[in-house]
PDB file of all heavy atoms in Angstrom:
ATOM      1  N   ALA A   1      90.768 108.181  94.775  1.00  0.00           N
ATOM      2  CA  ALA A   1      90.135 109.449  94.478  1.00  0.00           C
ATOM      3  C   ALA A   1      91.101 110.298  93.616  1.00  0.00           C
ATOM      4  O   ALA A   1      90.607 111.056  92.728  1.00  0.00           O
ATOM      5  CB  ALA A   1      89.848 110.193  95.812  1.00  0.00           C
ATOM      6  N   LYS A   2      92.346 110.208  93.781  1.00  0.00           N
ATOM      7  CA  LYS A   2      93.260 110.939  92.951  1.00  0.00           C
ATOM      8  C   LYS A   2      93.188 110.589  91.479  1.00  0.00           C
ATOM      9  O   LYS A   2      93.190 111.402  90.576  1.00  0.00           O
ATOM     10  CB  LYS A   2      94.710 110.743  93.411  1.00  0.00           C
ATOM     11  CG  LYS A   2      95.828 111.398  92.544  1.00  0.00           C
ATOM     12  CD  LYS A   2      97.266 110.922  93.044  1.00  0.00           C
ATOM     13  CE  LYS A   2      98.254 111.382  92.061  1.00  0.00           C
ATOM     14  NZ  LYS A   2      99.627 110.883  92.422  1.00  0.00           N
ATOM     15  N   GLY A   3      93.018 109.316  91.276  1.00  0.00           N
ATOM     16  CA  GLY A   3      92.908 108.828  89.831  1.00  0.00           C
ATOM     17  C   GLY A   3      91.616 109.250  89.233  1.00  0.00           C
ATOM     18  O   GLY A   3      91.520 109.581  88.067  1.00  0.00           O
ATOM     19  N   LEU A   4      90.553 109.359  90.021  1.00  0.00           N
ATOM     20  CA  LEU A   4      89.205 109.717  89.657  1.00  0.00           C
ATOM     21  C   LEU A   4      89.330 111.214  89.289  1.00  0.00           C
ATOM     22  O   LEU A   4      88.772 111.681  88.168  1.00  0.00           O
ATOM     23  CB  LEU A   4      88.195 109.536  90.655  1.00  0.00           C
ATOM     24  CG  LEU A   4      86.775 109.781  90.244  1.00  0.00           C
ATOM     25  CD1 LEU A   4      86.310 108.983  89.165  1.00  0.00           C
ATOM     26  CD2 LEU A   4      85.789 109.695  91.495  1.00  0.00           C
ATOM     27  N   ASP A   5      90.046 112.010  90.106  1.00  0.00           N
ATOM     28  CA  ASP A   5      90.200 113.456  89.728  1.00  0.00           C
ATOM     29  C   ASP A   5      90.901 113.630  88.413  1.00  0.00           C
ATOM     30  O   ASP A   5      90.623 114.502  87.629  1.00  0.00           O
ATOM     31  CB  ASP A   5      90.919 114.165  90.831  1.00  0.00           C
ATOM     32  CG  ASP A   5      90.149 114.391  92.112  1.00  0.00           C
ATOM     33  OD1 ASP A   5      88.936 114.359  91.976  1.00  0.00           O
ATOM     34  OD2 ASP A   5      90.724 114.636  93.182  1.00  0.00           O
ATOM     35  N   GLU A   6      91.933 112.794  88.156  1.00  0.00           N
ATOM     36  CA  GLU A   6      92.571 112.952  86.870  1.00  0.00           C
ATOM     37  C   GLU A   6      91.678 112.611  85.694  1.00  0.00           C
ATOM     38  O   GLU A   6      91.755 113.247  84.636  1.00  0.00           O
ATOM     39  CB  GLU A   6      93.787 111.866  86.818  1.00  0.00           C
ATOM     40  CG  GLU A   6      95.004 112.306  87.751  1.00  0.00           C
ATOM     41  CD  GLU A   6      96.126 111.397  87.570  1.00  0.00           C
ATOM     42  OE1 GLU A   6      96.039 110.350  86.831  1.00  0.00           O
ATOM     43  OE2 GLU A   6      97.135 111.592  88.297  1.00  0.00           O
ATOM     44  N   MET A   7      90.700 111.684  85.883  1.00  0.00           N
ATOM     45  CA  MET A   7      89.728 111.379  84.899  1.00  0.00           C
ATOM     46  C   MET A   7      88.772 112.589  84.694  1.00  0.00           C
ATOM     47  O   MET A   7      88.416 112.977  83.587  1.00  0.00           O
ATOM     48  CB  MET A   7      88.939 110.158  85.246  1.00  0.00           C
ATOM     49  CG  MET A   7      89.727 108.893  85.130  1.00  0.00           C
ATOM     50  SD  MET A   7      90.173 108.602  83.418  1.00  0.00           S
ATOM     51  CE  MET A   7      90.902 107.012  83.638  1.00  0.00           C
ATOM     52  N   HIS A   8      88.379 113.301  85.795  1.00  0.00           N
ATOM     53  CA  HIS A   8      87.548 114.409  85.733  1.00  0.00           C
ATOM     54  C   HIS A   8      88.191 115.495  84.831  1.00  0.00           C
ATOM     55  O   HIS A   8      87.508 116.348  84.217  1.00  0.00           O
ATOM     56  CB  HIS A   8      87.234 115.010  87.141  1.00  0.00           C
ATOM     57  CG  HIS A   8      86.349 114.122  87.932  1.00  0.00           C
ATOM     58  ND1 HIS A   8      86.117 114.253  89.272  1.00  0.00           N
ATOM     59  CD2 HIS A   8      85.529 113.140  87.546  1.00  0.00           C
ATOM     60  CE1 HIS A   8      85.218 113.374  89.779  1.00  0.00           C
ATOM     61  NE2 HIS A   8      84.857 112.604  88.636  1.00  0.00           N
ATOM     62  N   ALA A   9      89.529 115.579  84.887  1.00  0.00           N
ATOM     63  CA  ALA A   9      90.236 116.645  84.119  1.00  0.00           C
ATOM     64  C   ALA A   9      89.852 116.595  82.631  1.00  0.00           C
ATOM     65  O   ALA A   9      89.937 117.645  81.936  1.00  0.00           O
ATOM     66  CB  ALA A   9      91.659 116.608  84.305  1.00  0.00           C
ATOM     67  N   TYR A  10      89.489 115.399  82.130  1.00  0.00           N
ATOM     68  CA  TYR A  10      89.142 115.299  80.747  1.00  0.00           C
ATOM     69  C   TYR A  10      87.692 115.690  80.379  1.00  0.00           C
ATOM     70  O   TYR A  10      87.285 115.849  79.189  1.00  0.00           O
ATOM     71  CB  TYR A  10      89.274 113.840  80.197  1.00  0.00           C
ATOM     72  CG  TYR A  10      90.741 113.343  80.290  1.00  0.00           C
ATOM     73  CD1 TYR A  10      91.137 112.478  81.161  1.00  0.00           C
ATOM     74  CD2 TYR A  10      91.657 113.860  79.323  1.00  0.00           C
ATOM     75  CE1 TYR A  10      92.569 111.989  81.174  1.00  0.00           C
ATOM     76  CE2 TYR A  10      92.927 113.474  79.281  1.00  0.00           C
ATOM     77  CZ  TYR A  10      93.363 112.475  80.209  1.00  0.00           C
ATOM     78  OH  TYR A  10      94.722 111.988  80.258  1.00  0.00           O
ATOM     79  N   GLN A  11      86.932 115.995  81.516  1.00  0.00           N
ATOM     80  CA  GLN A  11      85.528 116.559  81.384  1.00  0.00           C
ATOM     81  C   GLN A  11      84.781 115.621  80.351  1.00  0.00           C
ATOM     82  O   GLN A  11      84.233 116.273  79.419  1.00  0.00           O
ATOM     83  CB  GLN A  11      85.652 117.953  81.054  1.00  0.00           C
ATOM     84  CG  GLN A  11      86.381 118.797  82.084  1.00  0.00           C
ATOM     85  CD  GLN A  11      86.188 120.325  81.786  1.00  0.00           C
ATOM     86  OE1 GLN A  11      85.183 120.734  81.477  1.00  0.00           O
ATOM     87  NE2 GLN A  11      87.297 121.074  81.745  1.00  0.00           N
ATOM     88  N   PRO A  12      84.541 114.356  80.630  1.00  0.00           N
ATOM     89  CA  PRO A  12      83.678 113.547  79.744  1.00  0.00           C
ATOM     90  C   PRO A  12      82.242 113.817  80.102  1.00  0.00           C
ATOM     91  O   PRO A  12      81.933 114.297  81.104  1.00  0.00           O
ATOM     92  CB  PRO A  12      84.084 112.196  80.068  1.00  0.00           C
ATOM     93  CG  PRO A  12      84.480 112.218  81.554  1.00  0.00           C
ATOM     94  CD  PRO A  12      85.153 113.504  81.693  1.00  0.00           C
ATOM     95  N   ASP A  13      81.329 113.456  79.129  1.00  0.00           N
ATOM     96  CA  ASP A  13      79.924 113.495  79.348  1.00  0.00           C
ATOM     97  C   ASP A  13      79.586 112.326  80.401  1.00  0.00           C
ATOM     98  O   ASP A  13      78.657 112.589  81.177  1.00  0.00           O
ATOM     99  CB  ASP A  13      79.199 113.393  78.059  1.00  0.00           C
ATOM    100  CG  ASP A  13      79.392 114.545  77.096  1.00  0.00           C
ATOM    101  OD1 ASP A  13      79.317 115.720  77.520  1.00  0.00           O
ATOM    102  OD2 ASP A  13      79.692 114.269  75.934  1.00  0.00           O
ATOM    103  N   LEU A  14      80.222 111.286  80.212  1.00  0.00           N
ATOM    104  CA  LEU A  14      79.897 110.023  81.053  1.00  0.00           C
ATOM    105  C   LEU A  14      81.217 109.402  81.496  1.00  0.00           C
ATOM    106  O   LEU A  14      82.121 109.169  80.751  1.00  0.00           O
ATOM    107  CB  LEU A  14      79.082 108.989  80.167  1.00  0.00           C
ATOM    108  CG  LEU A  14      78.734 107.684  80.822  1.00  0.00           C
ATOM    109  CD1 LEU A  14      77.743 107.960  82.028  1.00  0.00           C
ATOM    110  CD2 LEU A  14      78.149 106.759  79.895  1.00  0.00           C
ATOM    111  N   LEU A  15      81.297 109.102  82.756  1.00  0.00           N
ATOM    112  CA  LEU A  15      82.464 108.510  83.373  1.00  0.00           C
ATOM    113  C   LEU A  15      81.901 107.221  84.097  1.00  0.00           C
ATOM    114  O   LEU A  15      81.084 107.367  85.044  1.00  0.00           O
ATOM    115  CB  LEU A  15      83.184 109.474  84.323  1.00  0.00           C
ATOM    116  CG  LEU A  15      84.587 108.947  84.752  1.00  0.00           C
ATOM    117  CD1 LEU A  15      85.397 110.192  85.209  1.00  0.00           C
ATOM    118  CD2 LEU A  15      84.594 107.919  85.798  1.00  0.00           C
ATOM    119  N   LEU A  16      82.420 106.085  83.775  1.00  0.00           N
ATOM    120  CA  LEU A  16      82.046 104.830  84.426  1.00  0.00           C
ATOM    121  C   LEU A  16      83.219 104.293  85.244  1.00  0.00           C
ATOM    122  O   LEU A  16      84.380 104.068  84.673  1.00  0.00           O
ATOM    123  CB  LEU A  16      81.633 103.752  83.402  1.00  0.00           C
ATOM    124  CG  LEU A  16      80.393 104.226  82.596  1.00  0.00           C
ATOM    125  CD1 LEU A  16      80.087 103.024  81.618  1.00  0.00           C
ATOM    126  CD2 LEU A  16      79.150 104.546  83.494  1.00  0.00           C
ATOM    127  N   MET A  17      83.092 104.201  86.472  1.00  0.00           N
ATOM    128  CA  MET A  17      84.243 103.553  87.337  1.00  0.00           C
ATOM    129  C   MET A  17      83.812 102.210  87.752  1.00  0.00           C
ATOM    130  O   MET A  17      82.717 101.883  88.385  1.00  0.00           O
ATOM    131  CB  MET A  17      84.286 104.453  88.678  1.00  0.00           C
ATOM    132  CG  MET A  17      85.277 103.876  89.650  1.00  0.00           C
ATOM    133  SD  MET A  17      85.491 105.139  91.056  1.00  0.00           S
ATOM    134  CE  MET A  17      85.914 104.030  92.462  1.00  0.00           C
ATOM    135  N   GLU A  18      84.570 101.205  87.273  1.00  0.00           N
ATOM    136  CA  GLU A  18      84.286  99.830  87.519  1.00  0.00           C
ATOM    137  C   GLU A  18      85.027  99.321  88.676  1.00  0.00           C
ATOM    138  O   GLU A  18      86.183  99.497  88.929  1.00  0.00           O
ATOM    139  CB  GLU A  18      84.720  98.959  86.252  1.00  0.00           C
ATOM    140  CG  GLU A  18      84.252  97.550  86.404  1.00  0.00           C
ATOM    141  CD  GLU A  18      85.014  96.600  85.363  1.00  0.00           C
ATOM    142  OE1 GLU A  18      85.214  97.082  84.272  1.00  0.00           O
ATOM    143  OE2 GLU A  18      85.280  95.469  85.739  1.00  0.00           O
ATOM    144  N   GLY A  19      84.278  98.534  89.511  1.00  0.00           N
ATOM    145  CA  GLY A  19      84.809  97.918  90.716  1.00  0.00           C
ATOM    146  C   GLY A  19      85.524  96.625  90.379  1.00  0.00           C
ATOM    147  O   GLY A  19      85.765  96.290  89.314  1.00  0.00           O
ATOM    148  N   ALA A  20      85.945  95.949  91.484  1.00  0.00           N
ATOM    149  CA  ALA A  20      86.637  94.618  91.323  1.00  0.00           C
ATOM    150  C   ALA A  20      85.843  93.600  92.224  1.00  0.00           C
ATOM    151  O   ALA A  20      85.431  94.037  93.352  1.00  0.00           O
ATOM    152  CB  ALA A  20      88.063  94.744  91.747  1.00  0.00           C
ATOM    153  N   GLY A  21      85.502  92.504  91.749  1.00  0.00           N
ATOM    154  CA  GLY A  21      84.733  91.644  92.497  1.00  0.00           C
ATOM    155  C   GLY A  21      83.363  92.043  92.693  1.00  0.00           C
ATOM    156  O   GLY A  21      82.730  92.687  91.836  1.00  0.00           O
ATOM    157  N   GLY A  22      82.777  91.779  93.906  1.00  0.00           N
ATOM    158  CA  GLY A  22      81.486  92.281  94.222  1.00  0.00           C
ATOM    159  C   GLY A  22      81.491  93.489  95.017  1.00  0.00           C
ATOM    160  O   GLY A  22      82.503  94.174  95.140  1.00  0.00           O
ATOM    161  N   TRP A  23      80.293  93.880  95.590  1.00  0.00           N
ATOM    162  CA  TRP A  23      80.119  95.157  96.307  1.00  0.00           C
ATOM    163  C   TRP A  23      81.002  95.205  97.575  1.00  0.00           C
ATOM    164  O   TRP A  23      81.792  96.244  97.757  1.00  0.00           O
ATOM    165  CB  TRP A  23      78.619  95.273  96.747  1.00  0.00           C
ATOM    166  CG  TRP A  23      78.375  96.521  97.471  1.00  0.00           C
ATOM    167  CD1 TRP A  23      77.969  96.656  98.775  1.00  0.00           C
ATOM    168  CD2 TRP A  23      78.491  97.869  96.928  1.00  0.00           C
ATOM    169  NE1 TRP A  23      77.748  98.067  99.076  1.00  0.00           N
ATOM    170  CE2 TRP A  23      78.084  98.806  97.938  1.00  0.00           C
ATOM    171  CE3 TRP A  23      78.795  98.452  95.679  1.00  0.00           C
ATOM    172  CZ2 TRP A  23      77.974 100.212  97.777  1.00  0.00           C
ATOM    173  CZ3 TRP A  23      78.709  99.817  95.527  1.00  0.00           C
ATOM    174  CH2 TRP A  23      78.407 100.623  96.596  1.00  0.00           C
ATOM    175  N   ARG A  24      81.150  94.191  98.328  1.00  0.00           N
ATOM    176  CA  ARG A  24      81.912  94.254  99.544  1.00  0.00           C
ATOM    177  C   ARG A  24      83.386  93.680  99.328  1.00  0.00           C
ATOM    178  O   ARG A  24      83.802  92.709  99.870  1.00  0.00           O
ATOM    179  CB  ARG A  24      81.292  93.378 100.681  1.00  0.00           C
ATOM    180  CG  ARG A  24      79.999  94.005 101.305  1.00  0.00           C
ATOM    181  CD  ARG A  24      80.388  95.203 102.237  1.00  0.00           C
ATOM    182  NE  ARG A  24      79.221  95.658 102.874  1.00  0.00           N
ATOM    183  CZ  ARG A  24      78.657  96.849 102.627  1.00  0.00           C
ATOM    184  NH1 ARG A  24      79.168  97.690 101.690  1.00  0.00           N
ATOM    185  NH2 ARG A  24      77.611  97.307 103.338  1.00  0.00           N
ATOM    186  N   LEU A  25      84.104  94.422  98.455  1.00  0.00           N
ATOM    187  CA  LEU A  25      85.463  94.043  98.206  1.00  0.00           C
ATOM    188  C   LEU A  25      86.334  94.601  99.196  1.00  0.00           C
ATOM    189  O   LEU A  25      86.497  95.859  99.335  1.00  0.00           O
ATOM    190  CB  LEU A  25      85.846  94.484  96.716  1.00  0.00           C
ATOM    191  CG  LEU A  25      87.315  94.139  96.401  1.00  0.00           C
ATOM    192  CD1 LEU A  25      87.356  92.772  95.807  1.00  0.00           C
ATOM    193  CD2 LEU A  25      88.000  95.115  95.592  1.00  0.00           C
ATOM    194  N   PRO A  26      87.044  93.809 100.001  1.00  0.00           N
ATOM    195  CA  PRO A  26      87.964  94.404 101.031  1.00  0.00           C
ATOM    196  C   PRO A  26      89.204  95.065 100.507  1.00  0.00           C
ATOM    197  O   PRO A  26      89.791  94.392  99.631  1.00  0.00           O
ATOM    198  CB  PRO A  26      88.311  93.283 101.966  1.00  0.00           C
ATOM    199  CG  PRO A  26      88.117  91.979 101.098  1.00  0.00           C
ATOM    200  CD  PRO A  26      86.965  92.410 100.134  1.00  0.00           C
ATOM    201  N   LEU A  27      89.499  96.198 100.924  1.00  0.00           N
ATOM    202  CA  LEU A  27      90.801  96.857 100.602  1.00  0.00           C
ATOM    203  C   LEU A  27      91.810  96.582 101.662  1.00  0.00           C
ATOM    204  O   LEU A  27      93.009  96.424 101.345  1.00  0.00           O
ATOM    205  CB  LEU A  27      90.580  98.375 100.347  1.00  0.00           C
ATOM    206  CG  LEU A  27      89.625  98.786  99.334  1.00  0.00           C
ATOM    207  CD1 LEU A  27      89.567 100.288  99.226  1.00  0.00           C
ATOM    208  CD2 LEU A  27      90.027  98.189  97.937  1.00  0.00           C
ATOM    209  N   THR A  28      91.397  96.578 102.850  1.00  0.00           N
ATOM    210  CA  THR A  28      92.228  96.138 103.998  1.00  0.00           C
ATOM    211  C   THR A  28      91.380  95.250 104.958  1.00  0.00           C
ATOM    212  O   THR A  28      90.162  95.589 104.996  1.00  0.00           O
ATOM    213  CB  THR A  28      92.793  97.364 104.804  1.00  0.00           C
ATOM    214  OG1 THR A  28      91.688  98.156 105.335  1.00  0.00           O
ATOM    215  CG2 THR A  28      93.668  98.266 103.952  1.00  0.00           C
ATOM    216  N   VAL A  29      91.939  94.248 105.609  1.00  0.00           N
ATOM    217  CA  VAL A  29      91.158  93.472 106.594  1.00  0.00           C
ATOM    218  C   VAL A  29      91.758  93.862 107.931  1.00  0.00           C
ATOM    219  O   VAL A  29      92.945  93.657 108.212  1.00  0.00           O
ATOM    220  CB  VAL A  29      91.342  92.035 106.184  1.00  0.00           C
ATOM    221  CG1 VAL A  29      90.635  91.198 107.358  1.00  0.00           C
ATOM    222  CG2 VAL A  29      90.711  91.770 104.825  1.00  0.00           C
ATOM    223  N   GLY A  30      90.946  94.303 108.812  1.00  0.00           N
ATOM    224  CA  GLY A  30      91.382  94.767 110.096  1.00  0.00           C
ATOM    225  C   GLY A  30      91.218  93.710 111.231  1.00  0.00           C
ATOM    226  O   GLY A  30      91.015  92.552 110.877  1.00  0.00           O
ATOM    227  N   ASP A  31      91.151  94.184 112.382  1.00  0.00           N
ATOM    228  CA  ASP A  31      91.010  93.259 113.539  1.00  0.00           C
ATOM    229  C   ASP A  31      89.980  93.943 114.502  1.00  0.00           C
ATOM    230  O   ASP A  31      89.249  94.816 114.072  1.00  0.00           O
ATOM    231  CB  ASP A  31      92.284  93.056 114.353  1.00  0.00           C
ATOM    232  CG  ASP A  31      93.063  94.343 114.685  1.00  0.00           C
ATOM    233  OD1 ASP A  31      92.447  95.367 114.814  1.00  0.00           O
ATOM    234  OD2 ASP A  31      94.332  94.325 114.531  1.00  0.00           O
ATOM    235  N   GLU A  32      89.957  93.608 115.818  1.00  0.00           N
ATOM    236  CA  GLU A  32      88.989  94.199 116.729  1.00  0.00           C
ATOM    237  C   GLU A  32      89.224  95.691 117.032  1.00  0.00           C
ATOM    238  O   GLU A  32      88.398  96.422 117.442  1.00  0.00           O
ATOM    239  CB  GLU A  32      88.955  93.474 118.030  1.00  0.00           C
ATOM    240  CG  GLU A  32      90.245  93.601 118.845  1.00  0.00           C
ATOM    241  CD  GLU A  32      91.152  92.273 118.892  1.00  0.00           C
ATOM    242  OE1 GLU A  32      91.547  91.936 117.825  1.00  0.00           O
ATOM    243  OE2 GLU A  32      91.270  91.756 119.965  1.00  0.00           O
ATOM    244  N   TYR A  33      90.490  96.181 116.703  1.00  0.00           N
ATOM    245  CA  TYR A  33      90.804  97.550 116.871  1.00  0.00           C
ATOM    246  C   TYR A  33      90.802  98.406 115.607  1.00  0.00           C
ATOM    247  O   TYR A  33      90.571  99.607 115.717  1.00  0.00           O
ATOM    248  CB  TYR A  33      92.227  97.680 117.393  1.00  0.00           C
ATOM    249  CG  TYR A  33      92.436  96.863 118.705  1.00  0.00           C
ATOM    250  CD1 TYR A  33      93.192  95.559 118.632  1.00  0.00           C
ATOM    251  CD2 TYR A  33      91.835  97.203 119.877  1.00  0.00           C
ATOM    252  CE1 TYR A  33      93.401  94.915 119.860  1.00  0.00           C
ATOM    253  CE2 TYR A  33      92.090  96.429 121.087  1.00  0.00           C
ATOM    254  CZ  TYR A  33      92.760  95.307 120.985  1.00  0.00           C
ATOM    255  OH  TYR A  33      92.930  94.528 122.100  1.00  0.00           O
ATOM    256  N   THR A  34      90.947  97.758 114.473  1.00  0.00           N
ATOM    257  CA  THR A  34      90.876  98.471 113.185  1.00  0.00           C
ATOM    258  C   THR A  34      89.864  97.808 112.280  1.00  0.00           C
ATOM    259  O   THR A  34      89.968  96.656 111.885  1.00  0.00           O
ATOM    260  CB  THR A  34      92.334  98.436 112.456  1.00  0.00           C
ATOM    261  OG1 THR A  34      93.300  98.776 113.404  1.00  0.00           O
ATOM    262  CG2 THR A  34      92.366  99.247 111.280  1.00  0.00           C
ATOM    263  N   PRO A  35      88.805  98.600 111.941  1.00  0.00           N
ATOM    264  CA  PRO A  35      87.775  98.018 111.130  1.00  0.00           C
ATOM    265  C   PRO A  35      88.235  97.690 109.682  1.00  0.00           C
ATOM    266  O   PRO A  35      89.238  98.250 109.148  1.00  0.00           O
ATOM    267  CB  PRO A  35      86.681  99.073 111.050  1.00  0.00           C
ATOM    268  CG  PRO A  35      87.402 100.303 111.346  1.00  0.00           C
ATOM    269  CD  PRO A  35      88.498  99.994 112.257  1.00  0.00           C
ATOM    270  N   THR A  36      87.671  96.704 109.019  1.00  0.00           N
ATOM    271  CA  THR A  36      88.005  96.353 107.600  1.00  0.00           C
ATOM    272  C   THR A  36      87.433  97.544 106.808  1.00  0.00           C
ATOM    273  O   THR A  36      86.371  98.103 107.018  1.00  0.00           O
ATOM    274  CB  THR A  36      87.302  95.031 107.240  1.00  0.00           C
ATOM    275  OG1 THR A  36      87.787  93.930 107.995  1.00  0.00           O
ATOM    276  CG2 THR A  36      87.480  94.772 105.838  1.00  0.00           C
ATOM    277  N   TYR A  37      88.222  97.860 105.749  1.00  0.00           N
ATOM    278  CA  TYR A  37      87.887  98.955 104.804  1.00  0.00           C
ATOM    279  C   TYR A  37      87.574  98.374 103.445  1.00  0.00           C
ATOM    280  O   TYR A  37      88.374  97.582 102.934  1.00  0.00           O
ATOM    281  CB  TYR A  37      89.085  99.973 104.668  1.00  0.00           C
ATOM    282  CG  TYR A  37      88.704 101.184 103.970  1.00  0.00           C
ATOM    283  CD1 TYR A  37      87.697 102.030 104.458  1.00  0.00           C
ATOM    284  CD2 TYR A  37      89.440 101.649 102.887  1.00  0.00           C
ATOM    285  CE1 TYR A  37      87.440 103.247 103.748  1.00  0.00           C
ATOM    286  CE2 TYR A  37      89.079 102.736 102.198  1.00  0.00           C
ATOM    287  CZ  TYR A  37      88.105 103.587 102.617  1.00  0.00           C
ATOM    288  OH  TYR A  37      87.688 104.775 101.969  1.00  0.00           O
ATOM    289  N   TYR A  38      86.343  98.635 102.927  1.00  0.00           N
ATOM    290  CA  TYR A  38      85.853  98.184 101.662  1.00  0.00           C
ATOM    291  C   TYR A  38      85.918  99.119 100.479  1.00  0.00           C
ATOM    292  O   TYR A  38      85.815 100.347 100.730  1.00  0.00           O
ATOM    293  CB  TYR A  38      84.466  97.506 101.812  1.00  0.00           C
ATOM    294  CG  TYR A  38      84.377  96.532 102.918  1.00  0.00           C
ATOM    295  CD1 TYR A  38      83.879  96.857 104.223  1.00  0.00           C
ATOM    296  CD2 TYR A  38      84.470  95.182 102.629  1.00  0.00           C
ATOM    297  CE1 TYR A  38      83.759  95.928 105.196  1.00  0.00           C
ATOM    298  CE2 TYR A  38      84.401  94.204 103.638  1.00  0.00           C
ATOM    299  CZ  TYR A  38      83.967  94.545 104.825  1.00  0.00           C
ATOM    300  OH  TYR A  38      83.821  93.561 105.792  1.00  0.00           O
ATOM    301  N   LEU A  39      85.941  98.566  99.247  1.00  0.00           N
ATOM    302  CA  LEU A  39      85.775  99.472  98.156  1.00  0.00           C
ATOM    303  C   LEU A  39      84.447 100.227  98.108  1.00  0.00           C
ATOM    304  O   LEU A  39      84.366 101.326  97.659  1.00  0.00           O
ATOM    305  CB  LEU A  39      85.956  98.672  96.837  1.00  0.00           C
ATOM    306  CG  LEU A  39      85.912  99.541  95.504  1.00  0.00           C
ATOM    307  CD1 LEU A  39      87.048 100.582  95.527  1.00  0.00           C
ATOM    308  CD2 LEU A  39      86.203  98.573  94.298  1.00  0.00           C
ATOM    309  N   SER A  40      83.434  99.523  98.717  1.00  0.00           N
ATOM    310  CA  SER A  40      82.152 100.119  98.883  1.00  0.00           C
ATOM    311  C   SER A  40      82.227 101.379  99.805  1.00  0.00           C
ATOM    312  O   SER A  40      81.448 102.352  99.582  1.00  0.00           O
ATOM    313  CB  SER A  40      81.131  99.210  99.371  1.00  0.00           C
ATOM    314  OG  SER A  40      81.507  98.579 100.574  1.00  0.00           O
TER     315      SER A  40
END
C-alpha cells in the first residue's frame, strides 16, 4: 500500500497494478492458528 501511495503522488490518469502468478498468490502460508494471507 505504501508503494501504491507513492504512485498516487504522480496523479496519473490511469494506474495499473500488476499481480504475480494467479489470483490466489500466497504472501504468507499459515497454520491452524494463523490463516494464509494472499495478494488477493
